[in-house]
Amino acid sequence: MLRKLKKEDRALFLQLSQEFYDSPAVAHPVPCAFHERAFEELMRSEEYAVCYLLTDGETPAGYALLQKTYSREAGGMCIWIDEIYLRPAFRGKGLGKEFFAFAETLGAARLRLEAEPNNARAIKLYTALGFHPLPYLQMIKDKAY
């Protein structure tokens, strides 16, 4: 099951987000303030981002954070699955597949995600769901804080 994040989910979101950033699924941790900022933006508007809690019945199992952009290359809206995290006890139960089936219904011309190269389990799932690598070298320039 999944549902949109609500204001009363603040502590849960911050906990899940910290778990995700402490995991090998990400290249490096981010400051706690960034988790707070993300939650505030998610509560402010769904213009740029939306977050769904993934649950096993009523038990919180993880979350998916989606970013919205327009892609000329794809000819429409692109949804970045910026973060998807399932607590270890809930992996392999079909919750990830359920989320991706839901994501397919959001009307995007393209679904896009990233994975750490050593995250073989995630890459296997994404490939089985029809995702394929792009030949781009992604580059970033972060603002100095």
Protein backbone atom coordinates (compact mmCIF):
# COMPACT_ATOMS: atom_id res chain seq x y z
CA MET A 1 0.00 0.00 0.00
CA LEU A 2 1.04 3.59 -0.43
CA ARG A 3 -0.21 7.01 0.51
CA LYS A 4 0.96 10.59 0.23
CA LEU A 5 3.09 11.99 2.99
CA LYS A 6 1.18 14.15 5.51
CA LYS A 7 2.26 16.82 8.00
CA GLU A 8 1.86 14.38 10.87
CA ASP A 9 4.42 12.07 9.18
CA ARG A 10 7.29 14.50 9.82
CA ALA A 11 9.18 12.38 12.39
CA LEU A 12 8.67 9.21 10.35
CA PHE A 13 9.87 10.87 7.14
CA LEU A 14 12.96 12.27 8.85
CA GLN A 15 13.74 8.84 10.32
CA LEU A 16 13.25 6.99 7.00
CA SER A 17 15.20 9.64 5.12
CA GLN A 18 18.11 9.35 7.54
CA GLU A 19 18.03 5.53 7.23
CA PHE A 20 18.19 5.85 3.45
CA TYR A 21 21.11 8.29 3.54
CA ASP A 22 22.96 6.07 6.01
CA SER A 23 22.60 3.09 3.62
CA PRO A 24 24.95 1.94 0.85
CA ALA A 25 22.28 2.95 -1.68
CA VAL A 26 23.60 6.53 -1.69
CA ALA A 27 27.04 7.91 -2.48
CA HIS A 28 27.27 10.16 0.57
CA PRO A 29 25.20 11.41 3.51
CA VAL A 30 23.54 14.80 3.53
CA PRO A 31 23.20 17.22 6.44
CA CYS A 32 20.13 16.76 8.67
CA ALA A 33 18.99 20.23 7.66
CA PHE A 34 18.52 18.95 4.09
CA HIS A 35 16.03 16.32 5.31
CA GLU A 36 14.14 19.08 7.13
CA ARG A 37 14.14 21.30 4.02
CA ALA A 38 12.85 18.43 1.90
CA PHE A 39 9.96 17.83 4.29
CA GLU A 40 9.09 21.54 4.36
CA GLU A 41 9.06 21.69 0.55
CA LEU A 42 6.92 18.56 0.33
CA MET A 43 4.39 20.14 2.69
CA ARG A 44 4.50 23.52 0.92
CA SER A 45 3.48 22.28 -2.52
CA GLU A 46 3.43 19.36 -4.93
CA GLU A 47 4.67 21.60 -7.73
CA TYR A 48 8.17 20.12 -7.79
CA ALA A 49 8.10 17.07 -5.58
CA VAL A 50 5.78 14.57 -3.95
CA CYS A 51 6.48 11.82 -1.46
CA TYR A 52 4.63 8.56 -0.89
CA LEU A 53 4.89 6.37 2.17
CA LEU A 54 5.03 2.66 1.38
CA THR A 55 3.36 0.52 3.99
CA ASP A 56 2.90 -3.14 4.77
CA GLY A 57 -0.63 -2.93 6.09
CA GLU A 58 -0.36 -0.13 8.64
CA THR A 59 3.38 -0.63 9.23
CA PRO A 60 5.66 1.98 7.59
CA ALA A 61 7.98 0.14 5.22
CA GLY A 62 9.65 2.97 3.32
CA TYR A 63 9.06 5.89 1.02
CA ALA A 64 9.43 7.15 -2.53
CA LEU A 65 10.33 10.75 -3.31
CA LEU A 66 9.39 11.92 -6.81
CA GLN A 67 10.63 15.04 -8.59
CA LYS A 68 8.82 16.53 -11.57
CA THR A 69 10.48 18.07 -14.62
CA TYR A 70 9.66 18.63 -18.26
CA SER A 71 11.80 16.71 -20.75
CA ARG A 72 11.99 17.82 -24.37
CA GLU A 73 13.89 14.63 -25.09
CA ALA A 74 10.97 12.55 -23.78
CA GLY A 75 8.32 14.91 -25.15
CA GLY A 76 6.59 15.58 -21.85
CA MET A 77 6.70 15.38 -18.11
CA CYS A 78 9.55 13.39 -16.61
CA ILE A 79 9.20 11.98 -13.13
CA TRP A 80 12.49 11.40 -11.37
CA ILE A 81 12.20 8.68 -8.81
CA ASP A 82 14.73 10.60 -6.77
CA GLU A 83 14.66 8.31 -3.77
CA ILE A 84 13.02 4.98 -3.12
CA TYR A 85 13.75 3.27 0.16
CA LEU A 86 12.40 0.12 1.74
CA ARG A 87 13.51 -0.96 5.17
CA PRO A 88 15.41 -4.27 4.94
CA ALA A 89 12.62 -6.29 6.61
CA PHE A 90 10.21 -5.27 3.83
CA ARG A 91 12.36 -5.95 0.79
CA GLY A 92 11.33 -8.78 -1.51
CA LYS A 93 7.64 -8.52 -0.56
CA GLY A 94 6.51 -6.83 -3.78
CA LEU A 95 6.19 -3.31 -2.36
CA GLY A 96 8.74 -1.91 -4.81
CA LYS A 97 6.95 -3.48 -7.77
CA GLU A 98 3.65 -2.14 -6.45
CA PHE A 99 5.11 1.34 -6.26
CA PHE A 100 6.53 1.19 -9.79
CA ALA A 101 3.16 -0.01 -11.14
CA PHE A 102 1.60 3.02 -9.47
CA ALA A 103 4.29 5.33 -10.89
CA GLU A 104 3.37 4.14 -14.38
CA THR A 105 -0.13 5.59 -13.88
CA LEU A 106 1.06 9.15 -13.15
CA GLY A 107 1.01 10.23 -16.80
CA ALA A 108 4.71 10.89 -17.25
CA ALA A 109 6.36 10.56 -20.65
CA ARG A 110 9.43 9.24 -18.86
CA LEU A 111 10.26 7.71 -15.50
CA ARG A 112 13.87 8.24 -14.54
CA LEU A 113 15.98 7.06 -11.63
CA GLU A 114 19.54 6.59 -10.50
CA ALA A 115 21.22 3.69 -8.76
CA GLU A 116 24.62 3.24 -7.20
CA PRO A 117 26.58 0.93 -9.53
CA ASN A 118 27.14 -1.62 -6.74
CA ASN A 119 23.42 -1.85 -5.86
CA ALA A 120 22.92 -5.02 -7.91
CA ARG A 121 19.60 -5.97 -6.31
CA ALA A 122 18.00 -2.63 -7.17
CA ILE A 123 19.47 -2.60 -10.69
CA LYS A 124 18.11 -6.11 -11.30
CA LEU A 125 14.62 -4.97 -10.24
CA TYR A 126 14.77 -1.79 -12.34
CA THR A 127 15.94 -3.72 -15.40
CA ALA A 128 13.16 -6.28 -14.95
CA LEU A 129 10.68 -3.39 -14.84
CA GLY A 130 11.91 -2.05 -18.20
CA PHE A 131 14.40 0.63 -17.13
CA HIS A 132 17.64 0.87 -19.07
CA PRO A 133 20.83 2.90 -18.66
CA LEU A 134 21.23 6.25 -20.36
CA PRO A 135 24.60 6.90 -22.00
CA TYR A 136 24.97 10.26 -20.24
CA LEU A 137 27.64 11.28 -17.84
CA GLN A 138 25.77 13.26 -15.24
CA MET A 139 27.53 16.30 -13.84
CA ILE A 140 26.55 18.57 -10.98
CA LYS A 141 27.61 21.79 -9.39
CA ASP A 142 26.39 22.17 -5.81
CA LYS A 143 25.91 25.49 -4.12
CA ALA A 144 28.44 26.00 -1.33
CA TYR A 145 26.66 26.16 2.04
